[in-house]
């Protein structure tokens, strides 16, 4: 009998193959003022990057590196003035 997967389980399947799943959380959630360069570099090589970023934006993730973007970069994408210009 096949196992039914819900939409949310399918939409999160990228997490199983994500490169961040093989790295400690402190890498993507560094201390304030620490560099996120290495985390962003790892994200750039990850096949799940777009899905990760979409998840972070849809769920208003405000901390850490998600989809290769920092908190400030994701915040800039959410600004109403930025969205109306597109």
C-alpha atoms as a PDB file:
ATOM      1  CA  UNK A   1       0.000   0.000   0.000  1.00  0.00           C
ATOM      2  CA  UNK A   2       1.584   3.331  -1.051  1.00  0.00           C
ATOM      3  CA  UNK A   3       2.181   5.954   1.558  1.00  0.00           C
ATOM      4  CA  UNK A   4       0.326   9.172   0.850  1.00  0.00           C
ATOM      5  CA  UNK A   5       2.346  12.321   1.311  1.00  0.00           C
ATOM      6  CA  UNK A   6       0.708  15.583   2.101  1.00  0.00           C
ATOM      7  CA  UNK A   7       1.414  18.710   0.119  1.00  0.00           C
ATOM      8  CA  UNK A   8       3.467  20.125   2.971  1.00  0.00           C
ATOM      9  CA  UNK A   9       5.631  16.996   3.104  1.00  0.00           C
ATOM     10  CA  UNK A  10       6.274  17.196  -0.641  1.00  0.00           C
ATOM     11  CA  UNK A  11       7.030  20.903  -0.481  1.00  0.00           C
ATOM     12  CA  UNK A  12       9.628  20.273   2.232  1.00  0.00           C
ATOM     13  CA  UNK A  13      11.324  17.348   0.461  1.00  0.00           C
ATOM     14  CA  UNK A  14      14.161  19.689  -0.578  1.00  0.00           C
ATOM     15  CA  UNK A  15      15.313  19.667   3.047  1.00  0.00           C
ATOM     16  CA  UNK A  16      16.353  16.009   2.857  1.00  0.00           C
ATOM     17  CA  UNK A  17      18.867  16.684   0.078  1.00  0.00           C
ATOM     18  CA  UNK A  18      19.925  20.178   1.198  1.00  0.00           C
ATOM     19  CA  UNK A  19      23.605  20.690   1.867  1.00  0.00           C
ATOM     20  CA  UNK A  20      22.758  22.494   5.115  1.00  0.00           C
ATOM     21  CA  UNK A  21      21.369  19.219   6.472  1.00  0.00           C
ATOM     22  CA  UNK A  22      24.976  17.966   6.498  1.00  0.00           C
ATOM     23  CA  UNK A  23      26.286  21.020   8.380  1.00  0.00           C
ATOM     24  CA  UNK A  24      25.717  22.278  11.902  1.00  0.00           C
ATOM     25  CA  UNK A  25      23.086  24.989  12.465  1.00  0.00           C
ATOM     26  CA  UNK A  26      25.692  27.420  13.835  1.00  0.00           C
ATOM     27  CA  UNK A  27      27.038  27.652  10.287  1.00  0.00           C
ATOM     28  CA  UNK A  28      23.751  29.166   9.050  1.00  0.00           C
ATOM     29  CA  UNK A  29      22.808  30.922  12.291  1.00  0.00           C
ATOM     30  CA  UNK A  30      26.094  32.596  13.291  1.00  0.00           C
ATOM     31  CA  UNK A  31      26.642  34.923  16.209  1.00  0.00           C
ATOM     32  CA  UNK A  32      25.686  38.556  15.475  1.00  0.00           C
ATOM     33  CA  UNK A  33      28.442  40.282  13.543  1.00  0.00           C
ATOM     34  CA  UNK A  34      29.940  37.021  12.268  1.00  0.00           C
ATOM     35  CA  UNK A  35      30.446  36.387   8.574  1.00  0.00           C
ATOM     36  CA  UNK A  36      27.856  34.443   6.596  1.00  0.00           C
ATOM     37  CA  UNK A  37      30.117  34.203   3.536  1.00  0.00           C
ATOM     38  CA  UNK A  38      30.832  30.473   3.931  1.00  0.00           C
ATOM     39  CA  UNK A  39      27.165  29.641   4.486  1.00  0.00           C
ATOM     40  CA  UNK A  40      26.203  31.596   1.375  1.00  0.00           C
ATOM     41  CA  UNK A  41      28.901  29.814  -0.611  1.00  0.00           C
ATOM     42  CA  UNK A  42      27.486  26.440   0.430  1.00  0.00           C
ATOM     43  CA  UNK A  43      23.978  27.604  -0.467  1.00  0.00           C
ATOM     44  CA  UNK A  44      25.174  28.605  -3.934  1.00  0.00           C
ATOM     45  CA  UNK A  45      26.148  24.977  -4.585  1.00  0.00           C
ATOM     46  CA  UNK A  46      22.875  23.533  -3.250  1.00  0.00           C
ATOM     47  CA  UNK A  47      20.165  22.261  -5.590  1.00  0.00           C
ATOM     48  CA  UNK A  48      17.496  23.145  -3.025  1.00  0.00           C
ATOM     49  CA  UNK A  49      18.442  26.812  -2.841  1.00  0.00           C
ATOM     50  CA  UNK A  50      15.367  28.193  -4.643  1.00  0.00           C
ATOM     51  CA  UNK A  51      12.952  26.055  -2.616  1.00  0.00           C
ATOM     52  CA  UNK A  52      14.758  27.036   0.582  1.00  0.00           C
ATOM     53  CA  UNK A  53      14.483  30.738  -0.208  1.00  0.00           C
ATOM     54  CA  UNK A  54      10.822  30.352  -1.145  1.00  0.00           C
ATOM     55  CA  UNK A  55      10.191  28.574   2.169  1.00  0.00           C
ATOM     56  CA  UNK A  56      11.966  31.301   4.147  1.00  0.00           C
ATOM     57  CA  UNK A  57      10.020  34.084   2.450  1.00  0.00           C
ATOM     58  CA  UNK A  58       6.672  32.303   2.759  1.00  0.00           C
ATOM     59  CA  UNK A  59       7.263  31.536   6.438  1.00  0.00           C
ATOM     60  CA  UNK A  60       8.798  34.890   7.374  1.00  0.00           C
ATOM     61  CA  UNK A  61      12.080  33.380   8.564  1.00  0.00           C
ATOM     62  CA  UNK A  62      13.898  36.316  10.120  1.00  0.00           C
ATOM     63  CA  UNK A  63      17.116  34.711  11.304  1.00  0.00           C
ATOM     64  CA  UNK A  64      19.977  32.925   9.622  1.00  0.00           C
ATOM     65  CA  UNK A  65      20.932  32.265   6.029  1.00  0.00           C
ATOM     66  CA  UNK A  66      18.158  30.751   3.919  1.00  0.00           C
ATOM     67  CA  UNK A  67      18.396  30.149   0.190  1.00  0.00           C
ATOM     68  CA  UNK A  68      21.722  31.937   0.078  1.00  0.00           C
ATOM     69  CA  UNK A  69      20.385  35.199   1.503  1.00  0.00           C
ATOM     70  CA  UNK A  70      20.988  36.829   4.871  1.00  0.00           C
ATOM     71  CA  UNK A  71      18.307  38.336   7.109  1.00  0.00           C
ATOM     72  CA  UNK A  72      18.895  41.779   5.608  1.00  0.00           C
ATOM     73  CA  UNK A  73      18.759  40.527   2.029  1.00  0.00           C
ATOM     74  CA  UNK A  74      15.478  38.698   2.623  1.00  0.00           C
ATOM     75  CA  UNK A  75      14.084  41.751   4.388  1.00  0.00           C
ATOM     76  CA  UNK A  76      14.876  43.867   1.333  1.00  0.00           C
ATOM     77  CA  UNK A  77      12.903  41.425  -0.839  1.00  0.00           C
ATOM     78  CA  UNK A  78       9.881  41.776   1.465  1.00  0.00           C
ATOM     79  CA  UNK A  79       9.751  45.603   1.452  1.00  0.00           C
ATOM     80  CA  UNK A  80       6.484  46.850  -0.037  1.00  0.00           C
ATOM     81  CA  UNK A  81       8.215  49.591  -2.066  1.00  0.00           C
ATOM     82  CA  UNK A  82      10.460  46.971  -3.679  1.00  0.00           C
ATOM     83  CA  UNK A  83       7.528  44.691  -4.576  1.00  0.00           C
ATOM     84  CA  UNK A  84       5.454  47.478  -6.173  1.00  0.00           C
ATOM     85  CA  UNK A  85       8.382  48.462  -8.411  1.00  0.00           C
ATOM     86  CA  UNK A  86       8.559  44.979  -9.942  1.00  0.00           C
END
